[in-house]
């Protein structure tokens, strides 16, 4: 194979060819690079002469497009330019002593004050240089971000177990997540502390549409199908829509919803749930592994207390 001195090829020449291929036009590429069309054309001619390879098919009334060899070069050069850009960003962050960070994902209705804040404090006692961030979002957005590795660890309740069960995920139970109900102050259950699921058979449920399967599964423990009086778009609307004395909605220990602090809360004594830690299998990031290990070690700090 013929040897070629790659030192003769500049990054500027690579970027020139990448831009021409991107815009399909010398004039548009010249505008994007803030130079003249003649300068761009000469730059391409020079590199084609250096390499002995025709990179672009061009001529009067002919669409400008890469040759097969040119397309290969441009594809490889784009990777090189991207790597150089990423190397600059990484080096700049290292020079400015940017802290490492871990991003945790929670659903909108999971209370980070009960579940995560104490665990983060325990972790930072021995890892003060690592920033831990929290992202609240809907389950579909959380999973998308997790797939892109924009989120490092998910903390999800049992109702999303099917979404967690993928070959590339590692799912670990963290803490129990006791279930309960919220009722109207006018309800006949307002003074009750605990209740069995079967005792809710005559009640009507307010539920977010996405959690209907979870509610059905929970009611199965009481051997009945739930009577749903109202659907909400999300869990935040449940408290606001608790109007009639016979209406209830399911909540959990780590639930964060609207108006629930002012409503009577009753524990369901024969049904329970779990909060799971979800990570990517094979992830060798020492900080993520360390945070997960710290959570399991210190889970007593966030375990339910009644």
Protein backbone atom coordinates (compact mmCIF):
# COMPACT_ATOMS: atom_id res chain seq x y z
CA UNK A 1 0.00 0.00 0.00
CA UNK A 2 1.30 3.44 -0.92
CA UNK A 3 2.55 5.49 2.05
CA UNK A 4 1.18 8.99 2.46
CA UNK A 5 2.48 11.64 4.85
CA UNK A 6 -0.68 12.61 6.74
CA UNK A 7 1.20 15.54 8.25
CA UNK A 8 0.52 17.36 4.98
CA UNK A 9 -3.24 17.38 5.67
CA UNK A 10 -4.50 20.20 7.88
CA UNK A 11 -7.63 20.30 10.05
CA UNK A 12 -8.74 23.34 8.02
CA UNK A 13 -8.66 21.24 4.85
CA UNK A 14 -10.68 18.48 6.51
CA UNK A 15 -13.29 20.97 7.74
CA UNK A 16 -13.47 22.53 4.27
CA UNK A 17 -14.36 19.20 2.66
CA UNK A 18 -16.81 18.32 5.44
CA UNK A 19 -18.66 21.64 4.98
CA UNK A 20 -18.82 21.34 1.19
CA UNK A 21 -20.31 17.84 1.53
CA UNK A 22 -22.74 19.11 4.20
CA UNK A 23 -24.04 22.04 2.09
CA UNK A 24 -23.61 20.50 -1.37
CA UNK A 25 -22.31 23.86 -2.52
CA UNK A 26 -18.98 25.67 -2.58
CA UNK A 27 -20.65 29.07 -2.17
CA UNK A 28 -22.74 28.02 0.85
CA UNK A 29 -19.75 26.31 2.47
CA UNK A 30 -17.67 29.45 1.85
CA UNK A 31 -20.31 31.57 3.60
CA UNK A 32 -20.38 29.17 6.56
CA UNK A 33 -16.57 29.29 6.83
CA UNK A 34 -16.44 33.07 6.29
CA UNK A 35 -14.16 32.85 3.29
CA UNK A 36 -14.41 33.23 -0.49
CA UNK A 37 -15.57 30.58 -2.93
CA UNK A 38 -12.30 30.85 -4.90
CA UNK A 39 -10.27 30.29 -1.72
CA UNK A 40 -12.34 27.21 -0.89
CA UNK A 41 -12.00 25.84 -4.41
CA UNK A 42 -8.21 26.28 -4.33
CA UNK A 43 -8.04 24.58 -0.92
CA UNK A 44 -9.85 21.53 -2.30
CA UNK A 45 -7.71 21.45 -5.45
CA UNK A 46 -4.56 21.60 -3.31
CA UNK A 47 -5.61 18.69 -1.11
CA UNK A 48 -6.71 16.62 -4.12
CA UNK A 49 -3.29 17.24 -5.72
CA UNK A 50 -1.47 16.38 -2.47
CA UNK A 51 -3.32 13.11 -2.07
CA UNK A 52 -3.78 12.15 -5.69
CA UNK A 53 -7.48 11.54 -4.96
CA UNK A 54 -10.50 13.26 -6.49
CA UNK A 55 -12.73 14.19 -3.54
CA UNK A 56 -15.63 15.97 -5.30
CA UNK A 57 -17.39 15.60 -8.61
CA UNK A 58 -17.88 19.13 -9.82
CA UNK A 59 -18.33 21.17 -12.97
CA UNK A 60 -20.68 23.52 -14.72
CA UNK A 61 -24.33 22.52 -14.26
CA UNK A 62 -23.26 19.43 -12.30
CA UNK A 63 -24.38 18.74 -8.76
CA UNK A 64 -21.43 18.87 -6.39
CA UNK A 65 -21.10 15.56 -4.58
CA UNK A 66 -18.29 13.45 -3.10
CA UNK A 67 -16.75 10.60 -5.07
CA UNK A 68 -16.77 7.20 -3.35
CA UNK A 69 -13.21 7.81 -2.18
CA UNK A 70 -14.12 11.35 -1.14
CA UNK A 71 -17.14 10.16 0.85
CA UNK A 72 -14.89 7.71 2.73
CA UNK A 73 -12.34 10.41 3.54
CA UNK A 74 -15.00 12.92 4.64
CA UNK A 75 -16.64 10.33 6.91
CA UNK A 76 -13.30 9.54 8.59
CA UNK A 77 -12.30 13.20 8.80
CA UNK A 78 -15.59 14.08 10.49
CA UNK A 79 -14.78 11.58 13.26
CA UNK A 80 -11.31 13.10 13.64
CA UNK A 81 -12.67 16.65 13.87
CA UNK A 82 -15.35 15.58 16.37
CA UNK A 83 -12.71 13.82 18.49
CA UNK A 84 -10.52 16.92 18.44
CA UNK A 85 -13.46 19.08 19.53
CA UNK A 86 -14.35 16.68 22.36
CA UNK A 87 -10.69 16.50 23.41
CA UNK A 88 -10.61 20.30 23.71
CA UNK A 89 -13.80 20.36 25.79
CA UNK A 90 -12.54 17.57 28.10
CA UNK A 91 -9.14 19.22 28.53
CA UNK A 92 -10.73 22.59 29.25
CA UNK A 93 -13.00 21.08 31.91
CA UNK A 94 -10.02 19.26 33.45
CA UNK A 95 -7.95 22.45 33.55
CA UNK A 96 -10.76 24.38 35.22
CA UNK A 97 -11.12 21.61 37.83
CA UNK A 98 -14.70 20.81 36.84
CA UNK A 99 -16.16 18.38 39.35
CA UNK A 100 -17.35 14.94 38.39
CA UNK A 101 -21.08 14.57 38.65
CA UNK A 102 -23.75 11.89 38.93
CA UNK A 103 -27.28 12.44 37.66
CA UNK A 104 -30.16 10.64 39.38
CA UNK A 105 -33.57 10.19 37.76
CA UNK A 106 -36.89 10.30 39.63
CA UNK A 107 -40.50 10.34 38.51
CA UNK A 108 -42.42 13.57 39.10
CA UNK A 109 -44.22 12.13 42.11
CA UNK A 110 -41.28 10.62 43.98
CA UNK A 111 -40.27 12.75 46.95
CA UNK A 112 -36.51 13.36 46.79
CA UNK A 113 -36.55 14.78 50.32
CA UNK A 114 -37.55 11.42 51.75
CA UNK A 115 -35.68 9.15 49.35
CA UNK A 116 -32.56 10.78 47.94
CA UNK A 117 -31.44 13.83 49.92
CA UNK A 118 -30.31 11.81 52.98
CA UNK A 119 -28.51 9.30 50.70
CA UNK A 120 -26.75 12.11 48.84
CA UNK A 121 -25.62 13.67 52.13
CA UNK A 122 -24.19 10.33 53.31
CA UNK A 123 -22.37 9.83 50.01
CA UNK A 124 -20.89 13.34 50.01
CA UNK A 125 -19.47 12.87 53.51
CA UNK A 126 -16.68 10.86 51.87
CA UNK A 127 -17.02 12.13 48.27
CA UNK A 128 -17.20 15.90 48.64
CA UNK A 129 -15.75 16.53 45.16
CA UNK A 130 -18.54 14.70 43.34
CA UNK A 131 -21.69 16.65 42.49
CA UNK A 132 -24.94 14.71 42.62
CA UNK A 133 -27.81 16.15 40.60
CA UNK A 134 -31.49 15.13 40.49
CA UNK A 135 -33.74 15.16 37.44
CA UNK A 136 -37.53 14.84 37.87
CA UNK A 137 -39.46 13.80 34.77
CA UNK A 138 -42.12 11.51 33.33
CA UNK A 139 -41.15 7.85 33.02
CA UNK A 140 -40.79 7.88 29.22
CA UNK A 141 -38.46 10.89 29.33
CA UNK A 142 -36.45 9.35 32.17
CA UNK A 143 -35.94 6.13 30.22
CA UNK A 144 -34.91 8.04 27.09
CA UNK A 145 -32.35 10.06 29.08
CA UNK A 146 -31.14 6.90 30.79
CA UNK A 147 -30.65 5.21 27.40
CA UNK A 148 -28.52 8.17 26.27
CA UNK A 149 -26.57 8.01 29.57
CA UNK A 150 -27.68 11.56 30.38
CA UNK A 151 -29.02 10.03 33.60
CA UNK A 152 -26.73 7.65 35.47
CA UNK A 153 -29.06 6.01 38.00
CA UNK A 154 -32.84 5.65 38.09
CA UNK A 155 -34.89 5.27 41.27
CA UNK A 156 -38.25 3.79 40.28
CA UNK A 157 -41.24 2.30 42.14
CA UNK A 158 -42.48 -1.21 41.48
CA UNK A 159 -45.29 -0.10 39.14
CA UNK A 160 -42.61 0.53 36.49
CA UNK A 161 -40.97 -2.86 36.94
CA UNK A 162 -41.76 -4.00 33.38
CA UNK A 163 -39.99 -0.96 31.95
CA UNK A 164 -36.96 -1.72 34.12
CA UNK A 165 -36.66 -5.37 33.06
CA UNK A 166 -34.31 -5.11 30.11
CA UNK A 167 -31.21 -7.24 29.49
CA UNK A 168 -28.95 -4.19 29.55
CA UNK A 169 -30.26 -2.93 32.92
CA UNK A 170 -29.27 -4.02 36.40
CA UNK A 171 -32.25 -3.72 38.77
CA UNK A 172 -31.65 -3.83 42.52
CA UNK A 173 -34.32 -3.44 45.24
CA UNK A 174 -33.48 -0.60 47.63
CA UNK A 175 -36.24 0.00 50.18
CA UNK A 176 -39.84 -0.94 50.87
CA UNK A 177 -42.37 1.61 49.66
CA UNK A 178 -45.52 1.09 51.78
CA UNK A 179 -48.78 1.96 50.07
CA UNK A 180 -51.67 3.92 51.49
CA UNK A 181 -54.71 5.89 50.49
CA UNK A 182 -55.73 9.52 50.78
CA UNK A 183 -59.35 10.27 51.55
CA UNK A 184 -61.60 13.29 51.90
CA UNK A 185 -61.88 14.77 55.41
CA UNK A 186 -65.60 13.91 55.12
CA UNK A 187 -64.92 10.22 54.44
CA UNK A 188 -66.03 7.57 56.93
CA UNK A 189 -62.38 6.42 56.89
CA UNK A 190 -60.96 9.79 57.94
CA UNK A 191 -60.01 8.62 61.46
CA UNK A 192 -58.68 5.18 60.44
CA UNK A 193 -54.92 4.48 60.66
CA UNK A 194 -54.67 1.19 58.75
CA UNK A 195 -56.91 -0.67 56.34
CA UNK A 196 -56.92 -3.91 54.34
CA UNK A 197 -57.22 -3.68 50.58
CA UNK A 198 -60.46 -5.67 50.51
CA UNK A 199 -62.11 -2.97 52.66
CA UNK A 200 -61.76 -0.53 49.76
CA UNK A 201 -63.99 -2.54 47.44
CA UNK A 202 -66.90 -0.11 47.87
CA UNK A 203 -64.75 2.98 47.29
CA UNK A 204 -64.25 4.88 44.05
CA UNK A 205 -60.73 5.60 42.88
CA UNK A 206 -59.15 8.68 41.33
CA UNK A 207 -56.17 7.59 39.25
CA UNK A 208 -53.76 8.88 36.56
CA UNK A 209 -54.42 7.07 33.28
CA UNK A 210 -50.89 5.69 33.07
CA UNK A 211 -51.26 4.05 36.48
CA UNK A 212 -54.50 2.16 35.80
CA UNK A 213 -52.62 -1.16 35.32
CA UNK A 214 -50.80 -0.60 38.62
CA UNK A 215 -54.06 0.20 40.44
CA UNK A 216 -55.70 -2.91 38.98
CA UNK A 217 -52.78 -5.02 40.20
CA UNK A 218 -52.98 -3.51 43.69
CA UNK A 219 -56.75 -4.07 43.92
CA UNK A 220 -56.22 -7.68 42.94
CA UNK A 221 -54.87 -8.19 46.46
CA UNK A 222 -58.37 -7.38 47.71
CA UNK A 223 -59.94 -9.62 45.05
CA UNK A 224 -61.82 -6.86 43.26
CA UNK A 225 -61.65 -4.61 40.21
CA UNK A 226 -61.37 -0.90 41.03
CA UNK A 227 -64.34 1.40 40.44
CA UNK A 228 -62.69 4.47 38.88
CA UNK A 229 -64.58 7.71 39.36
CA UNK A 230 -62.13 10.06 37.63
CA UNK A 231 -58.99 9.90 35.48
CA UNK A 232 -56.30 12.54 35.84
CA UNK A 233 -53.47 13.28 33.44
CA UNK A 234 -50.88 12.87 36.18
CA UNK A 235 -50.59 12.11 39.87
CA UNK A 236 -50.60 15.78 40.84
CA UNK A 237 -54.30 16.05 40.02
CA UNK A 238 -55.48 13.38 42.40
CA UNK A 239 -55.64 15.46 45.56
CA UNK A 240 -57.36 18.36 43.82
CA UNK A 241 -60.05 16.02 42.46
CA UNK A 242 -60.83 14.26 45.74
CA UNK A 243 -64.34 15.71 46.06
CA UNK A 244 -66.79 13.04 47.20
CA UNK A 245 -66.59 11.28 50.60
CA UNK A 246 -66.43 7.82 49.00
CA UNK A 247 -63.48 8.67 46.72
CA UNK A 248 -59.90 7.63 47.47
CA UNK A 249 -56.57 7.53 45.68
CA UNK A 250 -53.54 5.34 46.16
CA UNK A 251 -50.29 6.90 47.31
CA UNK A 252 -47.02 5.51 48.58
CA UNK A 253 -44.58 6.41 51.34
CA UNK A 254 -42.30 8.20 48.85
CA UNK A 255 -45.17 9.79 46.94
CA UNK A 256 -45.07 13.51 46.31
CA UNK A 257 -48.43 14.84 45.18
CA UNK A 258 -50.65 17.87 45.52
CA UNK A 259 -52.61 18.64 48.69
CA UNK A 260 -51.77 15.31 50.34
CA UNK A 261 -50.35 16.98 53.46
CA UNK A 262 -53.84 18.29 54.29
CA UNK A 263 -55.68 15.03 53.62
CA UNK A 264 -56.15 12.03 55.92
CA UNK A 265 -53.63 9.32 55.05
CA UNK A 266 -54.32 5.66 55.79
CA UNK A 267 -51.80 2.85 55.44
CA UNK A 268 -52.77 -0.27 53.47
CA UNK A 269 -51.54 -3.03 55.73
CA UNK A 270 -51.58 -6.01 53.34
CA UNK A 271 -50.05 -4.48 50.18
CA UNK A 272 -46.54 -3.16 49.73
CA UNK A 273 -44.27 -1.87 47.00
CA UNK A 274 -40.54 -1.35 46.49
CA UNK A 275 -38.18 1.36 45.24
CA UNK A 276 -35.57 -0.04 42.86
CA UNK A 277 -32.15 1.23 41.80
CA UNK A 278 -31.61 0.87 38.05
CA UNK A 279 -28.15 1.10 36.48
CA UNK A 280 -26.57 0.03 33.19
CA UNK A 281 -24.93 -3.39 33.22
CA UNK A 282 -21.22 -3.25 32.61
CA UNK A 283 -20.90 0.42 33.53
CA UNK A 284 -17.40 0.72 34.98
CA UNK A 285 -17.76 4.30 36.25
CA UNK A 286 -16.34 4.14 39.77
CA UNK A 287 -18.43 7.07 41.03
CA UNK A 288 -21.73 5.56 39.87
CA UNK A 289 -20.80 2.21 41.38
CA UNK A 290 -19.73 3.97 44.58
CA UNK A 291 -22.98 5.91 44.86
CA UNK A 292 -25.06 2.76 44.36
CA UNK A 293 -23.02 0.92 46.99
CA UNK A 294 -23.42 3.86 49.39
CA UNK A 295 -27.22 3.87 48.86
CA UNK A 296 -27.52 0.20 49.73
CA UNK A 297 -25.24 0.61 52.76
CA UNK A 298 -27.18 3.62 54.07
CA UNK A 299 -30.73 2.62 53.09
CA UNK A 300 -31.75 2.55 56.74
CA UNK A 301 -31.48 6.36 56.67
CA UNK A 302 -34.42 6.53 54.24
CA UNK A 303 -36.40 3.44 55.20
CA UNK A 304 -40.08 4.12 56.05
CA UNK A 305 -40.87 5.06 59.63
CA UNK A 306 -44.43 5.02 60.97
